[in-house]
């Protein structure tokens, strides 16, 4: 699942659409060289979310900081 999301986020960040996108409009999006992407990460198993978010960031080539471990 993370590979799929990484591909989708990568396409959006480059101004493109994922090949399997379900769009609400048939009108083409404005052409852009890049886009800022904000991704909110949530898991069924909450304690996994920070680690999975870091994996996704790594797949996107983004810098990954330390995860603060809760009690």
Protein backbone atom coordinates (compact mmCIF):
# COMPACT_ATOMS: atom_id res chain seq x y z
CA UNK A 1 0.00 0.00 0.00
CA UNK A 2 2.84 2.41 0.76
CA UNK A 3 4.34 1.88 -2.70
CA UNK A 4 0.98 2.75 -4.28
CA UNK A 5 0.62 5.91 -2.19
CA UNK A 6 4.23 6.91 -2.89
CA UNK A 7 3.57 6.64 -6.64
CA UNK A 8 0.38 8.72 -6.34
CA UNK A 9 1.99 11.41 -4.19
CA UNK A 10 5.01 11.49 -6.49
CA UNK A 11 2.78 12.04 -9.54
CA UNK A 12 0.84 14.83 -7.81
CA UNK A 13 4.05 16.55 -6.67
CA UNK A 14 5.28 16.58 -10.28
CA UNK A 15 2.06 18.21 -11.51
CA UNK A 16 0.65 14.97 -12.98
CA UNK A 17 -2.23 12.66 -12.11
CA UNK A 18 -1.91 9.01 -11.13
CA UNK A 19 -2.91 6.79 -14.05
CA UNK A 20 -5.77 5.27 -12.05
CA UNK A 21 -7.14 8.53 -10.59
CA UNK A 22 -10.91 8.81 -10.22
CA UNK A 23 -11.70 12.44 -11.02
CA UNK A 24 -14.95 14.29 -10.32
CA UNK A 25 -14.57 16.49 -13.40
CA UNK A 26 -13.77 15.66 -17.01
CA UNK A 27 -12.06 19.04 -17.31
CA UNK A 28 -8.28 18.79 -17.41
CA UNK A 29 -6.40 20.21 -14.44
CA UNK A 30 -4.24 23.28 -15.07
CA UNK A 31 -0.73 22.34 -16.20
CA UNK A 32 1.85 22.82 -13.46
CA UNK A 33 5.50 21.86 -13.20
CA UNK A 34 5.06 20.89 -9.57
CA UNK A 35 2.58 20.98 -6.71
CA UNK A 36 2.90 21.22 -2.95
CA UNK A 37 1.42 18.06 -1.45
CA UNK A 38 0.16 17.78 2.11
CA UNK A 39 -0.43 14.23 3.26
CA UNK A 40 -2.12 13.29 6.51
CA UNK A 41 -1.27 9.81 7.72
CA UNK A 42 -3.60 7.63 9.77
CA UNK A 43 -3.57 3.90 10.50
CA UNK A 44 -6.00 1.41 11.98
CA UNK A 45 -3.26 0.54 14.43
CA UNK A 46 -2.26 3.98 15.72
CA UNK A 47 1.14 2.98 17.09
CA UNK A 48 2.23 2.01 13.55
CA UNK A 49 1.33 5.36 11.98
CA UNK A 50 4.59 7.22 12.78
CA UNK A 51 6.73 4.36 11.49
CA UNK A 52 4.65 3.88 8.33
CA UNK A 53 4.73 7.64 7.71
CA UNK A 54 8.53 7.52 7.90
CA UNK A 55 8.61 4.61 5.44
CA UNK A 56 6.43 6.59 3.03
CA UNK A 57 8.69 9.64 3.36
CA UNK A 58 11.70 7.45 2.61
CA UNK A 59 10.02 6.06 -0.51
CA UNK A 60 9.47 9.66 -1.66
CA UNK A 61 13.10 10.59 -1.03
CA UNK A 62 12.17 13.03 1.73
CA UNK A 63 14.30 13.62 4.82
CA UNK A 64 13.16 11.47 7.71
CA UNK A 65 13.65 12.70 11.28
CA UNK A 66 13.59 10.77 14.52
CA UNK A 67 10.32 9.35 15.76
CA UNK A 68 9.57 10.32 19.33
CA UNK A 69 8.64 7.15 21.14
CA UNK A 70 5.66 7.61 23.44
CA UNK A 71 5.10 5.94 26.75
